[in-house]
Amino acid sequence: MSAGTDLPPEDPGASAPDDRRPRSVYGVGSDPDVRFSLANERTALAWVRTGLSLVAGGVALTTLSALADLPWLIEVIALVACLAGGALAASALFSWRRVERALRLDRPLPAPAALPWLVGGVVVLALVLAGYAVFELARAL
């Protein structure tokens, strides 16, 4: 530490705020409380993790369908899960960017964009699978 201050010496390897990317985020406003930025990053990573889970579930369904000769509906659900997982991961990036800019500009936080779509997709999937189960049950009787 330098004499007369309680601040540690500056890290020569640290990047200046002007060097941070993406510039569309870090080039506006001022740095918010670090806790809010880290919470925003954790939220984005949670959405990416959810998207990755959807992709993994789709791959597992495809593998299971190939091994057990399951109906084509399972392949369609696997395809939708994989595509939805990729879209959710991309959405996480855009949501992170929107929220971080709002934090830096001291503006109200934007509404979550992916949540209504994800909930709607789960409801539709549940209805489709419930209908399929009823159809298979009626066919077996």
N, C-alpha and C. Protein backbone atom coordinates (compact mmCIF):
# COMPACT_ATOMS: atom_id res chain seq x y z
N MET A 1 0.83 -1.18 0.00
CA MET A 1 0.00 0.00 0.00
C MET A 1 0.87 1.24 0.00
N SER A 2 0.39 2.26 -0.67
CA SER A 2 1.16 3.49 -0.70
C SER A 2 0.91 4.28 0.57
N ALA A 3 1.88 5.09 0.92
CA ALA A 3 1.80 5.86 2.17
C ALA A 3 0.67 6.88 2.07
N GLY A 4 -0.13 6.98 3.15
CA GLY A 4 -1.16 7.99 3.23
C GLY A 4 -2.50 7.59 2.66
N THR A 5 -2.64 6.42 2.04
CA THR A 5 -3.93 5.99 1.52
C THR A 5 -4.23 4.59 2.02
N ASP A 6 -5.51 4.27 2.02
CA ASP A 6 -5.93 2.92 2.38
C ASP A 6 -6.26 2.09 1.15
N LEU A 7 -5.99 2.62 -0.02
CA LEU A 7 -6.31 1.92 -1.26
C LEU A 7 -5.12 1.08 -1.70
N PRO A 8 -5.39 -0.13 -2.21
CA PRO A 8 -4.29 -0.94 -2.72
C PRO A 8 -3.73 -0.33 -4.00
N PRO A 9 -2.47 -0.64 -4.32
CA PRO A 9 -1.91 -0.12 -5.57
C PRO A 9 -2.72 -0.65 -6.75
N GLU A 10 -2.80 0.15 -7.78
CA GLU A 10 -3.58 -0.24 -8.95
C GLU A 10 -2.93 -1.43 -9.66
N ASP A 11 -3.78 -2.35 -10.10
CA ASP A 11 -3.32 -3.54 -10.80
C ASP A 11 -2.94 -3.15 -12.23
N PRO A 12 -1.66 -3.32 -12.61
CA PRO A 12 -1.26 -2.92 -13.96
C PRO A 12 -1.91 -3.78 -15.05
N GLY A 13 -2.39 -4.97 -14.71
CA GLY A 13 -3.02 -5.84 -15.70
C GLY A 13 -4.50 -5.58 -15.86
N ALA A 14 -5.08 -4.75 -14.98
CA ALA A 14 -6.52 -4.48 -15.06
C ALA A 14 -6.82 -3.61 -16.28
N SER A 15 -7.97 -3.87 -16.88
CA SER A 15 -8.34 -3.08 -18.05
C SER A 15 -9.06 -1.81 -17.61
N ALA A 16 -8.86 -0.77 -18.37
CA ALA A 16 -9.56 0.48 -18.10
C ALA A 16 -11.03 0.30 -18.48
N PRO A 17 -11.93 1.06 -17.86
CA PRO A 17 -13.35 0.92 -18.18
C PRO A 17 -13.64 1.09 -19.66
N ASP A 18 -12.83 1.87 -20.37
CA ASP A 18 -13.06 2.09 -21.80
C ASP A 18 -12.77 0.84 -22.62
N ASP A 19 -11.99 -0.10 -22.07
CA ASP A 19 -11.60 -1.30 -22.81
C ASP A 19 -12.59 -2.44 -22.64
N ARG A 20 -13.55 -2.31 -21.73
CA ARG A 20 -14.49 -3.41 -21.49
C ARG A 20 -15.46 -3.56 -22.64
N ARG A 21 -15.79 -4.81 -22.91
CA ARG A 21 -16.74 -5.10 -23.99
C ARG A 21 -17.92 -5.84 -23.41
N PRO A 22 -19.08 -5.71 -23.97
CA PRO A 22 -19.43 -4.94 -25.16
C PRO A 22 -19.53 -3.44 -24.85
N ARG A 23 -19.05 -2.66 -25.78
CA ARG A 23 -19.05 -1.21 -25.59
C ARG A 23 -20.46 -0.65 -25.55
N SER A 24 -21.41 -1.35 -26.20
CA SER A 24 -22.80 -0.88 -26.16
C SER A 24 -23.36 -0.92 -24.74
N VAL A 25 -22.74 -1.72 -23.86
CA VAL A 25 -23.16 -1.78 -22.46
C VAL A 25 -22.26 -0.91 -21.61
N TYR A 26 -20.96 -1.14 -21.67
CA TYR A 26 -20.03 -0.47 -20.78
C TYR A 26 -19.68 0.95 -21.22
N GLY A 27 -20.08 1.33 -22.42
CA GLY A 27 -19.78 2.67 -22.91
C GLY A 27 -20.82 3.70 -22.52
N VAL A 28 -21.86 3.29 -21.79
CA VAL A 28 -22.92 4.23 -21.40
C VAL A 28 -23.01 4.32 -19.89
N GLY A 29 -23.47 5.44 -19.40
CA GLY A 29 -23.76 5.60 -17.99
C GLY A 29 -22.55 5.45 -17.09
N SER A 30 -22.85 5.10 -15.85
CA SER A 30 -21.78 4.92 -14.86
C SER A 30 -21.92 3.55 -14.22
N ASP A 31 -20.85 3.09 -13.61
CA ASP A 31 -20.85 1.77 -12.99
C ASP A 31 -21.86 1.71 -11.85
N PRO A 32 -22.78 0.75 -11.89
CA PRO A 32 -23.72 0.59 -10.78
C PRO A 32 -23.04 -0.13 -9.62
N ASP A 33 -23.77 -0.29 -8.55
CA ASP A 33 -23.28 -1.08 -7.42
C ASP A 33 -22.92 -2.47 -7.96
N VAL A 34 -21.75 -2.94 -7.64
CA VAL A 34 -21.25 -4.21 -8.19
C VAL A 34 -22.18 -5.37 -7.84
N ARG A 35 -22.86 -5.29 -6.72
CA ARG A 35 -23.78 -6.38 -6.34
C ARG A 35 -24.90 -6.54 -7.35
N PHE A 36 -25.39 -5.42 -7.89
CA PHE A 36 -26.46 -5.48 -8.87
C PHE A 36 -25.96 -6.06 -10.20
N SER A 37 -24.77 -5.66 -10.60
CA SER A 37 -24.20 -6.22 -11.84
C SER A 37 -23.95 -7.72 -11.71
N LEU A 38 -23.45 -8.14 -10.55
CA LEU A 38 -23.20 -9.58 -10.35
C LEU A 38 -24.50 -10.36 -10.26
N ALA A 39 -25.53 -9.78 -9.66
CA ALA A 39 -26.84 -10.44 -9.61
C ALA A 39 -27.41 -10.59 -11.02
N ASN A 40 -27.23 -9.56 -11.84
CA ASN A 40 -27.68 -9.62 -13.23
C ASN A 40 -26.94 -10.72 -13.98
N GLU A 41 -25.64 -10.83 -13.74
CA GLU A 41 -24.85 -11.88 -14.40
C GLU A 41 -25.28 -13.27 -13.94
N ARG A 42 -25.53 -13.43 -12.64
CA ARG A 42 -26.00 -14.74 -12.13
C ARG A 42 -27.34 -15.12 -12.74
N THR A 43 -28.22 -14.14 -12.90
CA THR A 43 -29.51 -14.41 -13.51
C THR A 43 -29.33 -14.87 -14.96
N ALA A 44 -28.47 -14.18 -15.69
CA ALA A 44 -28.22 -14.57 -17.09
C ALA A 44 -27.65 -15.98 -17.16
N LEU A 45 -26.72 -16.29 -16.25
CA LEU A 45 -26.14 -17.63 -16.25
C LEU A 45 -27.18 -18.70 -15.89
N ALA A 46 -28.13 -18.36 -15.02
CA ALA A 46 -29.20 -19.30 -14.69
C ALA A 46 -30.07 -19.58 -15.91
N TRP A 47 -30.35 -18.53 -16.70
CA TRP A 47 -31.13 -18.74 -17.92
C TRP A 47 -30.35 -19.59 -18.92
N VAL A 48 -29.05 -19.36 -19.03
CA VAL A 48 -28.22 -20.18 -19.93
C VAL A 48 -28.23 -21.63 -19.46
N ARG A 49 -28.14 -21.83 -18.15
CA ARG A 49 -28.18 -23.19 -17.60
C ARG A 49 -29.52 -23.86 -17.91
N THR A 50 -30.61 -23.11 -17.83
CA THR A 50 -31.92 -23.66 -18.17
C THR A 50 -31.97 -24.03 -19.65
N GLY A 51 -31.42 -23.16 -20.50
CA GLY A 51 -31.37 -23.46 -21.93
C GLY A 51 -30.55 -24.70 -22.22
N LEU A 52 -29.42 -24.83 -21.54
CA LEU A 52 -28.59 -26.02 -21.71
C LEU A 52 -29.32 -27.27 -21.25
N SER A 53 -30.11 -27.17 -20.19
CA SER A 53 -30.90 -28.30 -19.72
C SER A 53 -31.93 -28.71 -20.76
N LEU A 54 -32.55 -27.74 -21.41
CA LEU A 54 -33.51 -28.07 -22.47
C LEU A 54 -32.83 -28.79 -23.63
N VAL A 55 -31.66 -28.31 -24.01
CA VAL A 55 -30.92 -28.96 -25.09
C VAL A 55 -30.55 -30.39 -24.69
N ALA A 56 -30.05 -30.56 -23.46
CA ALA A 56 -29.68 -31.90 -22.99
C ALA A 56 -30.90 -32.81 -22.93
N GLY A 57 -32.02 -32.28 -22.50
CA GLY A 57 -33.25 -33.08 -22.48
C GLY A 57 -33.68 -33.49 -23.88
N GLY A 58 -33.53 -32.58 -24.84
CA GLY A 58 -33.87 -32.90 -26.23
C GLY A 58 -32.97 -33.98 -26.80
N VAL A 59 -31.68 -33.90 -26.49
CA VAL A 59 -30.74 -34.92 -26.95
C VAL A 59 -31.08 -36.27 -26.29
N ALA A 60 -31.41 -36.25 -25.01
CA ALA A 60 -31.77 -37.49 -24.31
C ALA A 60 -33.03 -38.10 -24.91
N LEU A 61 -34.02 -37.27 -25.22
CA LEU A 61 -35.25 -37.80 -25.83
C LEU A 61 -34.97 -38.39 -27.21
N THR A 62 -34.13 -37.73 -27.99
CA THR A 62 -33.78 -38.25 -29.31
C THR A 62 -33.09 -39.61 -29.20
N THR A 63 -32.17 -39.73 -28.26
CA THR A 63 -31.47 -40.99 -28.06
C THR A 63 -32.42 -42.08 -27.60
N LEU A 64 -33.27 -41.74 -26.64
CA LEU A 64 -34.25 -42.70 -26.14
C LEU A 64 -35.21 -43.13 -27.24
N SER A 65 -35.64 -42.18 -28.06
CA SER A 65 -36.56 -42.49 -29.15
C SER A 65 -35.92 -43.44 -30.15
N ALA A 66 -34.64 -43.25 -30.42
CA ALA A 66 -33.95 -44.12 -31.38
C ALA A 66 -33.77 -45.53 -30.82
N LEU A 67 -33.51 -45.62 -29.52
CA LEU A 67 -33.30 -46.93 -28.90
C LEU A 67 -34.60 -47.71 -28.69
N ALA A 68 -35.67 -47.00 -28.34
CA ALA A 68 -36.91 -47.68 -27.96
C ALA A 68 -37.97 -47.63 -29.04
N ASP A 69 -37.66 -47.06 -30.20
CA ASP A 69 -38.61 -46.96 -31.30
C ASP A 69 -39.92 -46.31 -30.82
N LEU A 70 -39.78 -45.10 -30.27
CA LEU A 70 -40.93 -44.35 -29.75
C LEU A 70 -41.60 -43.59 -30.89
N PRO A 71 -42.82 -43.11 -30.67
CA PRO A 71 -43.55 -42.40 -31.73
C PRO A 71 -42.88 -41.11 -32.14
N TRP A 72 -43.25 -40.62 -33.32
CA TRP A 72 -42.66 -39.42 -33.90
C TRP A 72 -42.87 -38.18 -33.02
N LEU A 73 -43.92 -38.20 -32.19
CA LEU A 73 -44.19 -37.05 -31.32
C LEU A 73 -43.02 -36.77 -30.39
N ILE A 74 -42.35 -37.82 -29.94
CA ILE A 74 -41.19 -37.65 -29.06
C ILE A 74 -40.06 -36.94 -29.80
N GLU A 75 -39.86 -37.26 -31.06
CA GLU A 75 -38.85 -36.58 -31.87
C GLU A 75 -39.18 -35.10 -32.04
N VAL A 76 -40.45 -34.79 -32.22
CA VAL A 76 -40.87 -33.40 -32.36
C VAL A 76 -40.62 -32.65 -31.05
N ILE A 77 -40.96 -33.26 -29.93
CA ILE A 77 -40.73 -32.63 -28.63
C ILE A 77 -39.24 -32.42 -28.40
N ALA A 78 -38.42 -33.39 -28.81
CA ALA A 78 -36.97 -33.25 -28.67
C ALA A 78 -36.45 -32.09 -29.51
N LEU A 79 -36.94 -31.97 -30.72
CA LEU A 79 -36.53 -30.87 -31.60
C LEU A 79 -36.93 -29.53 -31.00
N VAL A 80 -38.16 -29.43 -30.51
CA VAL A 80 -38.62 -28.18 -29.90
C VAL A 80 -37.79 -27.84 -28.66
N ALA A 81 -37.46 -28.85 -27.86
CA ALA A 81 -36.66 -28.61 -26.65
C ALA A 81 -35.27 -28.08 -27.01
N CYS A 82 -34.65 -28.67 -28.02
CA CYS A 82 -33.32 -28.21 -28.44
C CYS A 82 -33.36 -26.79 -28.98
N LEU A 83 -34.35 -26.50 -29.82
CA LEU A 83 -34.46 -25.15 -30.37
C LEU A 83 -34.80 -24.13 -29.29
N ALA A 84 -35.68 -24.51 -28.38
CA ALA A 84 -36.05 -23.61 -27.29
C ALA A 84 -34.86 -23.35 -26.37
N GLY A 85 -34.04 -24.35 -26.14
CA GLY A 85 -32.86 -24.17 -25.31
C GLY A 85 -31.88 -23.20 -25.93
N GLY A 86 -31.66 -23.31 -27.22
CA GLY A 86 -30.78 -22.37 -27.90
C GLY A 86 -31.34 -20.95 -27.88
N ALA A 87 -32.63 -20.84 -28.11
CA ALA A 87 -33.28 -19.52 -28.09
C ALA A 87 -33.22 -18.90 -26.69
N LEU A 88 -33.39 -19.73 -25.68
CA LEU A 88 -33.35 -19.24 -24.30
C LEU A 88 -31.95 -18.74 -23.93
N ALA A 89 -30.93 -19.44 -24.38
CA ALA A 89 -29.56 -19.00 -24.11
C ALA A 89 -29.28 -17.67 -24.81
N ALA A 90 -29.72 -17.53 -26.05
CA ALA A 90 -29.54 -16.26 -26.76
C ALA A 90 -30.32 -15.14 -26.08
N SER A 91 -31.51 -15.46 -25.63
CA SER A 91 -32.34 -14.47 -24.93
C SER A 91 -31.67 -14.01 -23.64
N ALA A 92 -30.96 -14.92 -22.97
CA ALA A 92 -30.27 -14.56 -21.73
C ALA A 92 -29.23 -13.47 -21.98
N LEU A 93 -28.53 -13.58 -23.09
CA LEU A 93 -27.53 -12.56 -23.43
C LEU A 93 -28.19 -11.20 -23.65
N PHE A 94 -29.27 -11.19 -24.43
CA PHE A 94 -29.94 -9.92 -24.72
C PHE A 94 -30.58 -9.33 -23.46
N SER A 95 -31.12 -10.19 -22.61
CA SER A 95 -31.71 -9.72 -21.36
C SER A 95 -30.64 -9.14 -20.44
N TRP A 96 -29.50 -9.83 -20.35
CA TRP A 96 -28.40 -9.32 -19.53
C TRP A 96 -28.00 -7.92 -20.00
N ARG A 97 -27.88 -7.78 -21.31
CA ARG A 97 -27.47 -6.50 -21.89
C ARG A 97 -28.48 -5.40 -21.57
N ARG A 98 -29.77 -5.69 -21.72
CA ARG A 98 -30.81 -4.69 -21.45
C ARG A 98 -30.79 -4.27 -19.98
N VAL A 99 -30.69 -5.25 -19.09
CA VAL A 99 -30.71 -4.94 -17.66
C VAL A 99 -29.45 -4.18 -17.25
N GLU A 100 -28.30 -4.60 -17.76
CA GLU A 100 -27.05 -3.92 -17.40
C GLU A 100 -27.07 -2.47 -17.87
N ARG A 101 -27.58 -2.23 -19.06
CA ARG A 101 -27.68 -0.85 -19.55
C ARG A 101 -28.62 -0.03 -18.67
N ALA A 102 -29.75 -0.63 -18.28
CA ALA A 102 -30.69 0.07 -17.41
C ALA A 102 -30.04 0.40 -16.06
N LEU A 103 -29.28 -0.54 -15.52
CA LEU A 103 -28.58 -0.27 -14.26
C LEU A 103 -27.58 0.87 -14.42
N ARG A 104 -26.84 0.85 -15.51
CA ARG A 104 -25.81 1.87 -15.73
C ARG A 104 -26.41 3.24 -15.98
N LEU A 105 -27.60 3.28 -16.55
CA LEU A 105 -28.25 4.56 -16.87
C LEU A 105 -29.25 4.98 -15.79
N ASP A 106 -29.33 4.20 -14.71
CA ASP A 106 -30.24 4.47 -13.59
C ASP A 106 -31.69 4.60 -14.06
N ARG A 107 -32.08 3.66 -14.91
CA ARG A 107 -33.45 3.59 -15.43
C ARG A 107 -34.16 2.40 -14.83
N PRO A 108 -35.49 2.35 -14.93
CA PRO A 108 -36.22 1.18 -14.42
C PRO A 108 -35.81 -0.09 -15.18
N LEU A 109 -35.81 -1.20 -14.49
CA LEU A 109 -35.42 -2.46 -15.12
C LEU A 109 -36.50 -2.90 -16.11
N PRO A 110 -36.09 -3.44 -17.25
CA PRO A 110 -37.07 -3.92 -18.23
C PRO A 110 -37.72 -5.21 -17.75
N ALA A 111 -38.91 -5.45 -18.26
CA ALA A 111 -39.62 -6.69 -17.91
C ALA A 111 -38.89 -7.88 -18.51
N PRO A 112 -38.95 -9.03 -17.85
CA PRO A 112 -38.30 -10.23 -18.42
C PRO A 112 -38.99 -10.63 -19.72
N ALA A 113 -38.19 -10.87 -20.74
CA ALA A 113 -38.74 -11.21 -22.05
C ALA A 113 -38.95 -12.71 -22.21
N ALA A 114 -38.07 -13.53 -21.67
CA ALA A 114 -38.12 -14.97 -21.91
C ALA A 114 -39.11 -15.68 -21.00
N LEU A 115 -39.37 -15.15 -19.83
CA LEU A 115 -40.20 -15.86 -18.86
C LEU A 115 -41.60 -16.17 -19.38
N PRO A 116 -42.34 -15.22 -19.96
CA PRO A 116 -43.67 -15.56 -20.47
C PRO A 116 -43.63 -16.63 -21.56
N TRP A 117 -42.61 -16.57 -22.41
CA TRP A 117 -42.48 -17.57 -23.48
C TRP A 117 -42.19 -18.96 -22.91
N LEU A 118 -41.32 -19.01 -21.93
CA LEU A 118 -40.97 -20.29 -21.31
C LEU A 118 -42.18 -20.89 -20.60
N VAL A 119 -42.88 -20.09 -19.85
CA VAL A 119 -44.08 -20.58 -19.16
C VAL A 119 -45.13 -21.02 -20.17
N GLY A 120 -45.34 -20.23 -21.21
CA GLY A 120 -46.30 -20.61 -22.26
C GLY A 120 -45.91 -21.92 -22.93
N GLY A 121 -44.61 -22.10 -23.19
CA GLY A 121 -44.15 -23.34 -23.80
C GLY A 121 -44.36 -24.55 -22.90
N VAL A 122 -44.13 -24.38 -21.62
CA VAL A 122 -44.35 -25.48 -20.67
C VAL A 122 -45.83 -25.84 -20.62
N VAL A 123 -46.70 -24.83 -20.61
CA VAL A 123 -48.14 -25.09 -20.58
C VAL A 123 -48.58 -25.82 -21.84
N VAL A 124 -48.12 -25.35 -23.00
CA VAL A 124 -48.48 -26.01 -24.27
C VAL A 124 -47.96 -27.45 -24.29
N LEU A 125 -46.72 -27.64 -23.87
CA LEU A 125 -46.16 -29.00 -23.83
C LEU A 125 -46.96 -29.90 -22.90
N ALA A 126 -47.34 -29.38 -21.74
CA ALA A 126 -48.13 -30.18 -20.80
C ALA A 126 -49.48 -30.55 -21.41
N LEU A 127 -50.12 -29.62 -22.10
CA LEU A 127 -51.41 -29.91 -22.73
C LEU A 127 -51.26 -30.94 -23.86
N VAL A 128 -50.23 -30.80 -24.66
CA VAL A 128 -50.00 -31.74 -25.76
C VAL A 128 -49.74 -33.14 -25.21
N LEU A 129 -48.88 -33.24 -24.21
CA LEU A 129 -48.58 -34.56 -23.64
C LEU A 129 -49.77 -35.16 -22.91
N ALA A 130 -50.56 -34.32 -22.25
CA ALA A 130 -51.77 -34.82 -21.59
C ALA A 130 -52.76 -35.33 -22.64
N GLY A 131 -52.91 -34.59 -23.72
CA GLY A 131 -53.79 -35.04 -24.80
C GLY A 131 -53.29 -36.34 -25.42
N TYR A 132 -52.00 -36.45 -25.60
CA TYR A 132 -51.42 -37.68 -26.15
C TYR A 132 -51.64 -38.86 -25.21
N ALA A 133 -51.48 -38.61 -23.91
CA ALA A 133 -51.70 -39.69 -22.93
C ALA A 133 -53.15 -40.15 -22.95
N VAL A 134 -54.09 -39.20 -23.03
CA VAL A 134 -55.52 -39.56 -23.09
C VAL A 134 -55.79 -40.34 -24.37
N PHE A 135 -55.22 -39.89 -25.48
CA PHE A 135 -55.40 -40.59 -26.75
C PHE A 135 -54.88 -42.02 -26.67
N GLU A 136 -53.70 -42.21 -26.14
CA GLU A 136 -53.12 -43.55 -26.01
C GLU A 136 -53.93 -44.42 -25.05
N LEU A 137 -54.44 -43.84 -23.98
CA LEU A 137 -55.26 -44.58 -23.03
C LEU A 137 -56.57 -45.01 -23.68
N ALA A 138 -57.19 -44.13 -24.44
CA ALA A 138 -58.45 -44.45 -25.13
C ALA A 138 -58.22 -45.52 -26.20
N ARG A 139 -57.08 -45.45 -26.85
CA ARG A 139 -56.76 -46.42 -27.90
C ARG A 139 -56.52 -47.81 -27.30
N ALA A 140 -55.95 -47.85 -26.10
CA ALA A 140 -55.65 -49.13 -25.45
C ALA A 140 -56.90 -49.81 -24.93
N LEU A 141 -57.94 -49.02 -24.65
CA LEU A 141 -59.17 -49.62 -24.11
C LEU A 141 -59.97 -50.20 -25.20
